[in-house]
Amino acid sequence: MPATPVYHYTNLATNEQIASLLPPDHPEMICLQTGTHVPETKYGLLGILAAIFWFPLGIGICLLDRRVRCTRCGLMIDEGICR
């Protein structure tokens, strides 16, 4: 049985040493190595409707009903309060 390779990384944000089974070209490891995610924001239907009907208070509700996900690795950065 061949040995499983273990890769060693340094988290740029915390300078922490990390050992992982994921290769360097895996999307999660690319985000770890660069120290940044590629955020994509999506707003929920409830927030958009609130922004339209209850302007200007609805703008705040719309901002609370947003979901931010990394397009590269798929990590959910912020789920908002309305799930």
PDB file of N, CA and C in Angstrom:
ATOM      1  N   MET A   1       0.846  -1.168   0.000  1.00  0.00           N
ATOM      2  CA  MET A   1       0.000   0.000   0.000  1.00  0.00           C
ATOM      3  C   MET A   1       0.898   1.240   0.000  1.00  0.00           C
ATOM      4  N   PRO A   2       0.696   2.174  -0.945  1.00  0.00           N
ATOM      5  CA  PRO A   2       1.540   3.378  -0.996  1.00  0.00           C
ATOM      6  C   PRO A   2       1.234   4.325   0.167  1.00  0.00           C
ATOM      7  N   ALA A   3       2.255   5.045   0.563  1.00  0.00           N
ATOM      8  CA  ALA A   3       2.095   5.998   1.665  1.00  0.00           C
ATOM      9  C   ALA A   3       1.294   7.213   1.191  1.00  0.00           C
ATOM     10  N   THR A   4       0.449   7.727   2.063  1.00  0.00           N
ATOM     11  CA  THR A   4      -0.345   8.914   1.758  1.00  0.00           C
ATOM     12  C   THR A   4       0.521  10.156   1.987  1.00  0.00           C
ATOM     13  N   PRO A   5       0.633  11.031   0.979  1.00  0.00           N
ATOM     14  CA  PRO A   5       1.469  12.223   1.169  1.00  0.00           C
ATOM     15  C   PRO A   5       0.805  13.230   2.111  1.00  0.00           C
ATOM     16  N   VAL A   6       1.614  13.832   2.940  1.00  0.00           N
ATOM     17  CA  VAL A   6       1.156  14.868   3.855  1.00  0.00           C
ATOM     18  C   VAL A   6       1.824  16.170   3.425  1.00  0.00           C
ATOM     19  N   TYR A   7       1.004  17.203   3.221  1.00  0.00           N
ATOM     20  CA  TYR A   7       1.493  18.501   2.781  1.00  0.00           C
ATOM     21  C   TYR A   7       1.526  19.455   3.962  1.00  0.00           C
ATOM     22  N   HIS A   8       2.540  20.301   4.003  1.00  0.00           N
ATOM     23  CA  HIS A   8       2.700  21.263   5.092  1.00  0.00           C
ATOM     24  C   HIS A   8       2.518  22.673   4.537  1.00  0.00           C
ATOM     25  N   TYR A   9       1.691  23.464   5.225  1.00  0.00           N
ATOM     26  CA  TYR A   9       1.363  24.816   4.797  1.00  0.00           C
ATOM     27  C   TYR A   9       1.567  25.787   5.951  1.00  0.00           C
ATOM     28  N   THR A  10       1.693  27.054   5.606  1.00  0.00           N
ATOM     29  CA  THR A  10       1.727  28.129   6.585  1.00  0.00           C
ATOM     30  C   THR A  10       0.547  29.052   6.310  1.00  0.00           C
ATOM     31  N   ASN A  11      -0.294  29.235   7.322  1.00  0.00           N
ATOM     32  CA  ASN A  11      -1.425  30.146   7.207  1.00  0.00           C
ATOM     33  C   ASN A  11      -0.888  31.567   7.270  1.00  0.00           C
ATOM     34  N   LEU A  12      -1.083  32.332   6.189  1.00  0.00           N
ATOM     35  CA  LEU A  12      -0.531  33.687   6.131  1.00  0.00           C
ATOM     36  C   LEU A  12      -1.182  34.636   7.119  1.00  0.00           C
ATOM     37  N   ALA A  13      -2.421  34.375   7.480  1.00  0.00           N
ATOM     38  CA  ALA A  13      -3.123  35.269   8.406  1.00  0.00           C
ATOM     39  C   ALA A  13      -2.623  35.103   9.839  1.00  0.00           C
ATOM     40  N   THR A  14      -2.299  33.863  10.241  1.00  0.00           N
ATOM     41  CA  THR A  14      -1.922  33.609  11.633  1.00  0.00           C
ATOM     42  C   THR A  14      -0.504  33.067  11.794  1.00  0.00           C
ATOM     43  N   ASN A  15       0.203  32.820  10.699  1.00  0.00           N
ATOM     44  CA  ASN A  15       1.539  32.197  10.703  1.00  0.00           C
ATOM     45  C   ASN A  15       1.541  30.831  11.376  1.00  0.00           C
ATOM     46  N   GLU A  16       0.424  30.173  11.380  1.00  0.00           N
ATOM     47  CA  GLU A  16       0.279  28.843  11.967  1.00  0.00           C
ATOM     48  C   GLU A  16       0.727  27.788  10.947  1.00  0.00           C
ATOM     49  N   GLN A  17       1.453  26.776  11.420  1.00  0.00           N
ATOM     50  CA  GLN A  17       1.878  25.673  10.567  1.00  0.00           C
ATOM     51  C   GLN A  17       0.761  24.632  10.519  1.00  0.00           C
ATOM     52  N   ILE A  18       0.389  24.211   9.311  1.00  0.00           N
ATOM     53  CA  ILE A  18      -0.722  23.284   9.129  1.00  0.00           C
ATOM     54  C   ILE A  18      -0.260  22.105   8.296  1.00  0.00           C
ATOM     55  N   ALA A  19      -0.601  20.902   8.745  1.00  0.00           N
ATOM     56  CA  ALA A  19      -0.348  19.685   7.973  1.00  0.00           C
ATOM     57  C   ALA A  19      -1.694  19.201   7.445  1.00  0.00           C
ATOM     58  N   SER A  20      -1.741  18.901   6.143  1.00  0.00           N
ATOM     59  CA  SER A  20      -3.003  18.516   5.524  1.00  0.00           C
ATOM     60  C   SER A  20      -2.769  17.435   4.482  1.00  0.00           C
ATOM     61  N   LEU A  21      -3.821  16.672   4.216  1.00  0.00           N
ATOM     62  CA  LEU A  21      -3.771  15.670   3.160  1.00  0.00           C
ATOM     63  C   LEU A  21      -4.186  16.256   1.812  1.00  0.00           C
ATOM     64  N   LEU A  22      -4.678  17.502   1.811  1.00  0.00           N
ATOM     65  CA  LEU A  22      -5.113  18.145   0.574  1.00  0.00           C
ATOM     66  C   LEU A  22      -3.904  18.674  -0.198  1.00  0.00           C
ATOM     67  N   PRO A  23      -3.872  18.455  -1.510  1.00  0.00           N
ATOM     68  CA  PRO A  23      -2.736  18.927  -2.322  1.00  0.00           C
ATOM     69  C   PRO A  23      -2.749  20.447  -2.474  1.00  0.00           C
ATOM     70  N   PRO A  24      -1.628  21.030  -2.888  1.00  0.00           N
ATOM     71  CA  PRO A  24      -1.542  22.493  -3.011  1.00  0.00           C
ATOM     72  C   PRO A  24      -2.503  23.103  -4.020  1.00  0.00           C
ATOM     73  N   ASP A  25      -2.960  22.339  -5.014  1.00  0.00           N
ATOM     74  CA  ASP A  25      -3.860  22.903  -6.008  1.00  0.00           C
ATOM     75  C   ASP A  25      -5.333  22.750  -5.640  1.00  0.00           C
ATOM     76  N   HIS A  26      -5.637  22.235  -4.458  1.00  0.00           N
ATOM     77  CA  HIS A  26      -7.021  22.121  -3.985  1.00  0.00           C
ATOM     78  C   HIS A  26      -7.528  23.528  -3.652  1.00  0.00           C
ATOM     79  N   PRO A  27      -8.787  23.849  -3.988  1.00  0.00           N
ATOM     80  CA  PRO A  27      -9.303  25.213  -3.746  1.00  0.00           C
ATOM     81  C   PRO A  27      -9.190  25.684  -2.299  1.00  0.00           C
ATOM     82  N   GLU A  28      -9.413  24.813  -1.328  1.00  0.00           N
ATOM     83  CA  GLU A  28      -9.296  25.228   0.081  1.00  0.00           C
ATOM     84  C   GLU A  28      -7.860  25.605   0.419  1.00  0.00           C
ATOM     85  N   MET A  29      -6.903  24.889  -0.137  1.00  0.00           N
ATOM     86  CA  MET A  29      -5.504  25.182   0.157  1.00  0.00           C
ATOM     87  C   MET A  29      -5.030  26.430  -0.580  1.00  0.00           C
ATOM     88  N   ILE A  30      -5.611  26.729  -1.738  1.00  0.00           N
ATOM     89  CA  ILE A  30      -5.269  27.971  -2.434  1.00  0.00           C
ATOM     90  C   ILE A  30      -5.724  29.166  -1.597  1.00  0.00           C
ATOM     91  N   CYS A  31      -6.934  29.085  -1.038  1.00  0.00           N
ATOM     92  CA  CYS A  31      -7.417  30.160  -0.158  1.00  0.00           C
ATOM     93  C   CYS A  31      -6.538  30.283   1.079  1.00  0.00           C
ATOM     94  N   LEU A  32      -6.105  29.167   1.623  1.00  0.00           N
ATOM     95  CA  LEU A  32      -5.254  29.191   2.810  1.00  0.00           C
ATOM     96  C   LEU A  32      -3.895  29.808   2.491  1.00  0.00           C
ATOM     97  N   GLN A  33      -3.327  29.434   1.342  1.00  0.00           N
ATOM     98  CA  GLN A  33      -1.998  29.925   0.981  1.00  0.00           C
ATOM     99  C   GLN A  33      -2.010  31.409   0.633  1.00  0.00           C
ATOM    100  N   THR A  34      -3.067  31.877  -0.016  1.00  0.00           N
ATOM    101  CA  THR A  34      -3.129  33.299  -0.358  1.00  0.00           C
ATOM    102  C   THR A  34      -3.590  34.145   0.820  1.00  0.00           C
ATOM    103  N   GLY A  35      -4.286  33.540   1.756  1.00  0.00           N
ATOM    104  CA  GLY A  35      -4.758  34.263   2.933  1.00  0.00           C
ATOM    105  C   GLY A  35      -6.050  35.014   2.703  1.00  0.00           C
ATOM    106  N   THR A  36      -6.670  34.833   1.538  1.00  0.00           N
ATOM    107  CA  THR A  36      -7.914  35.534   1.235  1.00  0.00           C
ATOM    108  C   THR A  36      -8.904  34.590   0.568  1.00  0.00           C
ATOM    109  N   HIS A  37     -10.166  34.949   0.676  1.00  0.00           N
ATOM    110  CA  HIS A  37     -11.230  34.244  -0.029  1.00  0.00           C
ATOM    111  C   HIS A  37     -11.739  35.156  -1.140  1.00  0.00           C
ATOM    112  N   VAL A  38     -12.491  34.579  -2.056  1.00  0.00           N
ATOM    113  CA  VAL A  38     -13.118  35.346  -3.129  1.00  0.00           C
ATOM    114  C   VAL A  38     -14.609  35.399  -2.788  1.00  0.00           C
ATOM    115  N   PRO A  39     -15.054  36.457  -2.089  1.00  0.00           N
ATOM    116  CA  PRO A  39     -16.431  36.489  -1.603  1.00  0.00           C
ATOM    117  C   PRO A  39     -17.449  36.776  -2.713  1.00  0.00           C
ATOM    118  N   GLU A  40     -18.595  36.116  -2.582  1.00  0.00           N
ATOM    119  CA  GLU A  40     -19.740  36.368  -3.449  1.00  0.00           C
ATOM    120  C   GLU A  40     -20.935  36.558  -2.530  1.00  0.00           C
ATOM    121  N   THR A  41     -21.620  37.685  -2.666  1.00  0.00           N
ATOM    122  CA  THR A  41     -22.742  38.017  -1.792  1.00  0.00           C
ATOM    123  C   THR A  41     -24.053  37.771  -2.512  1.00  0.00           C
ATOM    124  N   LYS A  42     -24.970  37.107  -1.820  1.00  0.00           N
ATOM    125  CA  LYS A  42     -26.322  36.911  -2.331  1.00  0.00           C
ATOM    126  C   LYS A  42     -27.294  37.378  -1.252  1.00  0.00           C
ATOM    127  N   TYR A  43     -28.328  38.089  -1.701  1.00  0.00           N
ATOM    128  CA  TYR A  43     -29.328  38.607  -0.780  1.00  0.00           C
ATOM    129  C   TYR A  43     -30.575  37.738  -0.863  1.00  0.00           C
ATOM    130  N   GLY A  44     -31.204  37.506   0.289  1.00  0.00           N
ATOM    131  CA  GLY A  44     -32.406  36.686   0.344  1.00  0.00           C
ATOM    132  C   GLY A  44     -33.634  37.430  -0.136  1.00  0.00           C
ATOM    133  N   LEU A  45     -34.645  36.687  -0.503  1.00  0.00           N
ATOM    134  CA  LEU A  45     -35.888  37.264  -1.004  1.00  0.00           C
ATOM    135  C   LEU A  45     -36.559  38.136   0.053  1.00  0.00           C
ATOM    136  N   LEU A  46     -36.531  37.693   1.302  1.00  0.00           N
ATOM    137  CA  LEU A  46     -37.132  38.474   2.387  1.00  0.00           C
ATOM    138  C   LEU A  46     -36.475  39.838   2.508  1.00  0.00           C
ATOM    139  N   GLY A  47     -35.151  39.880   2.425  1.00  0.00           N
ATOM    140  CA  GLY A  47     -34.447  41.152   2.534  1.00  0.00           C
ATOM    141  C   GLY A  47     -34.717  42.082   1.370  1.00  0.00           C
ATOM    142  N   ILE A  48     -34.810  41.534   0.168  1.00  0.00           N
ATOM    143  CA  ILE A  48     -35.084  42.363  -1.004  1.00  0.00           C
ATOM    144  C   ILE A  48     -36.492  42.952  -0.928  1.00  0.00           C
ATOM    145  N   LEU A  49     -37.461  42.123  -0.534  1.00  0.00           N
ATOM    146  CA  LEU A  49     -38.831  42.619  -0.399  1.00  0.00           C
ATOM    147  C   LEU A  49     -38.937  43.674   0.695  1.00  0.00           C
ATOM    148  N   ALA A  50     -38.224  43.457   1.799  1.00  0.00           N
ATOM    149  CA  ALA A  50     -38.238  44.443   2.888  1.00  0.00           C
ATOM    150  C   ALA A  50     -37.613  45.754   2.427  1.00  0.00           C
ATOM    151  N   ALA A  51     -36.541  45.678   1.631  1.00  0.00           N
ATOM    152  CA  ALA A  51     -35.890  46.895   1.139  1.00  0.00           C
ATOM    153  C   ALA A  51     -36.812  47.684   0.220  1.00  0.00           C
ATOM    154  N   ILE A  52     -37.643  46.985  -0.538  1.00  0.00           N
ATOM    155  CA  ILE A  52     -38.559  47.666  -1.458  1.00  0.00           C
ATOM    156  C   ILE A  52     -39.740  48.286  -0.711  1.00  0.00           C
ATOM    157  N   PHE A  53     -40.386  47.500   0.151  1.00  0.00           N
ATOM    158  CA  PHE A  53     -41.616  47.954   0.776  1.00  0.00           C
ATOM    159  C   PHE A  53     -41.415  48.824   2.009  1.00  0.00           C
ATOM    160  N   TRP A  54     -40.332  48.646   2.747  1.00  0.00           N
ATOM    161  CA  TRP A  54     -40.117  49.398   3.976  1.00  0.00           C
ATOM    162  C   TRP A  54     -38.879  50.283   3.903  1.00  0.00           C
ATOM    163  N   PHE A  55     -38.666  50.887   2.744  1.00  0.00           N
ATOM    164  CA  PHE A  55     -37.523  51.768   2.581  1.00  0.00           C
ATOM    165  C   PHE A  55     -37.633  52.932   3.556  1.00  0.00           C
ATOM    166  N   PRO A  56     -36.627  53.365   4.228  1.00  0.00           N
ATOM    167  CA  PRO A  56     -35.222  53.005   4.269  1.00  0.00           C
ATOM    168  C   PRO A  56     -34.892  51.943   5.315  1.00  0.00           C
ATOM    169  N   LEU A  57     -35.825  51.628   6.225  1.00  0.00           N
ATOM    170  CA  LEU A  57     -35.570  50.600   7.241  1.00  0.00           C
ATOM    171  C   LEU A  57     -35.302  49.247   6.595  1.00  0.00           C
ATOM    172  N   GLY A  58     -35.953  48.969   5.489  1.00  0.00           N
ATOM    173  CA  GLY A  58     -35.788  47.688   4.811  1.00  0.00           C
ATOM    174  C   GLY A  58     -34.390  47.459   4.275  1.00  0.00           C
ATOM    175  N   ILE A  59     -33.625  48.527   4.033  1.00  0.00           N
ATOM    176  CA  ILE A  59     -32.238  48.370   3.575  1.00  0.00           C
ATOM    177  C   ILE A  59     -31.422  47.654   4.645  1.00  0.00           C
ATOM    178  N   GLY A  60     -31.639  48.027   5.904  1.00  0.00           N
ATOM    179  CA  GLY A  60     -30.947  47.349   7.008  1.00  0.00           C
ATOM    180  C   GLY A  60     -31.336  45.891   7.097  1.00  0.00           C
ATOM    181  N   ILE A  61     -32.609  45.599   6.895  1.00  0.00           N
ATOM    182  CA  ILE A  61     -33.069  44.209   6.927  1.00  0.00           C
ATOM    183  C   ILE A  61     -32.452  43.437   5.761  1.00  0.00           C
ATOM    184  N   CYS A  62     -32.344  44.074   4.611  1.00  0.00           N
ATOM    185  CA  CYS A  62     -31.729  43.434   3.446  1.00  0.00           C
ATOM    186  C   CYS A  62     -30.268  43.085   3.730  1.00  0.00           C
ATOM    187  N   LEU A  63     -29.557  43.983   4.403  1.00  0.00           N
ATOM    188  CA  LEU A  63     -28.156  43.710   4.726  1.00  0.00           C
ATOM    189  C   LEU A  63     -28.012  42.592   5.748  1.00  0.00           C
ATOM    190  N   LEU A  64     -29.011  42.419   6.611  1.00  0.00           N
ATOM    191  CA  LEU A  64     -28.967  41.318   7.566  1.00  0.00           C
ATOM    192  C   LEU A  64     -29.305  39.980   6.917  1.00  0.00           C
ATOM    193  N   ASP A  65     -30.011  40.023   5.786  1.00  0.00           N
ATOM    194  CA  ASP A  65     -30.446  38.802   5.107  1.00  0.00           C
ATOM    195  C   ASP A  65     -29.538  38.488   3.915  1.00  0.00           C
ATOM    196  N   ARG A  66     -28.236  38.615   4.104  1.00  0.00           N
ATOM    197  CA  ARG A  66     -27.313  38.300   3.019  1.00  0.00           C
ATOM    198  C   ARG A  66     -26.448  37.102   3.385  1.00  0.00           C
ATOM    199  N   ARG A  67     -26.024  36.396   2.369  1.00  0.00           N
ATOM    200  CA  ARG A  67     -25.148  35.246   2.541  1.00  0.00           C
ATOM    201  C   ARG A  67     -23.891  35.485   1.720  1.00  0.00           C
ATOM    202  N   VAL A  68     -22.731  35.307   2.357  1.00  0.00           N
ATOM    203  CA  VAL A  68     -21.460  35.520   1.669  1.00  0.00           C
ATOM    204  C   VAL A  68     -20.735  34.180   1.618  1.00  0.00           C
ATOM    205  N   ARG A  69     -20.409  33.735   0.410  1.00  0.00           N
ATOM    206  CA  ARG A  69     -19.745  32.457   0.185  1.00  0.00           C
ATOM    207  C   ARG A  69     -18.506  32.690  -0.677  1.00  0.00           C
ATOM    208  N   CYS A  70     -17.444  31.937  -0.406  1.00  0.00           N
ATOM    209  CA  CYS A  70     -16.233  31.996  -1.217  1.00  0.00           C
ATOM    210  C   CYS A  70     -16.486  31.216  -2.502  1.00  0.00           C
ATOM    211  N   THR A  71     -16.278  31.877  -3.648  1.00  0.00           N
ATOM    212  CA  THR A  71     -16.521  31.200  -4.924  1.00  0.00           C
ATOM    213  C   THR A  71     -15.431  30.196  -5.248  1.00  0.00           C
ATOM    214  N   ARG A  72     -14.246  30.354  -4.657  1.00  0.00           N
ATOM    215  CA  ARG A  72     -13.145  29.437  -4.950  1.00  0.00           C
ATOM    216  C   ARG A  72     -13.272  28.125  -4.174  1.00  0.00           C
ATOM    217  N   CYS A  73     -13.459  28.201  -2.858  1.00  0.00           N
ATOM    218  CA  CYS A  73     -13.445  26.977  -2.054  1.00  0.00           C
ATOM    219  C   CYS A  73     -14.823  26.579  -1.530  1.00  0.00           C
ATOM    220  N   GLY A  74     -15.820  27.464  -1.637  1.00  0.00           N
ATOM    221  CA  GLY A  74     -17.170  27.134  -1.205  1.00  0.00           C
ATOM    222  C   GLY A  74     -17.443  27.366   0.270  1.00  0.00           C
ATOM    223  N   LEU A  75     -16.514  27.952   1.012  1.00  0.00           N
ATOM    224  CA  LEU A  75     -16.707  28.211   2.440  1.00  0.00           C
ATOM    225  C   LEU A  75     -17.772  29.282   2.638  1.00  0.00           C
ATOM    226  N   MET A  76     -18.708  29.039   3.555  1.00  0.00           N
ATOM    227  CA  MET A  76     -19.738  30.023   3.888  1.00  0.00           C
ATOM    228  C   MET A  76     -19.112  31.003   4.878  1.00  0.00           C
ATOM    229  N   ILE A  77     -18.859  32.216   4.438  1.00  0.00           N
ATOM    230  CA  ILE A  77     -18.206  33.233   5.264  1.00  0.00           C
ATOM    231  C   ILE A  77     -19.199  33.861   6.224  1.00  0.00           C
ATOM    232  N   ASP A  78     -20.386  34.211   5.735  1.00  0.00           N
ATOM    233  CA  ASP A  78     -21.414  34.811   6.569  1.00  0.00           C
ATOM    234  C   ASP A  78     -22.772  34.289   6.099  1.00  0.00           C
ATOM    235  N   GLU A  79     -23.538  33.695   7.020  1.00  0.00           N
ATOM    236  CA  GLU A  79     -24.832  33.125   6.654  1.00  0.00           C
ATOM    237  C   GLU A  79     -25.984  34.088   6.844  1.00  0.00           C
ATOM    238  N   GLY A  80     -25.774  35.214   7.475  1.00  0.00           N
ATOM    239  CA  GLY A  80     -26.861  36.146   7.748  1.00  0.00           C
ATOM    240  C   GLY A  80     -27.704  35.643   8.904  1.00  0.00           C
ATOM    241  N   ILE A  81     -28.767  36.392   9.233  1.00  0.00           N
ATOM    242  CA  ILE A  81     -29.592  35.967  10.366  1.00  0.00           C
ATOM    243  C   ILE A  81     -30.823  35.202   9.930  1.00  0.00           C
ATOM    244  N   CYS A  82     -31.238  35.351   8.681  1.00  0.00           N
ATOM    245  CA  CYS A  82     -32.410  34.628   8.169  1.00  0.00           C
ATOM    246  C   CYS A  82     -31.951  33.453   7.343  1.00  0.00           C
ATOM    247  N   ARG A  83     -32.098  32.261   7.842  1.00  0.00           N
ATOM    248  CA  ARG A  83     -31.588  31.096   7.114  1.00  0.00           C
ATOM    249  C   ARG A  83     -32.646  30.446   6.332  1.00  0.00           C
TER     250      ARG A  83
END
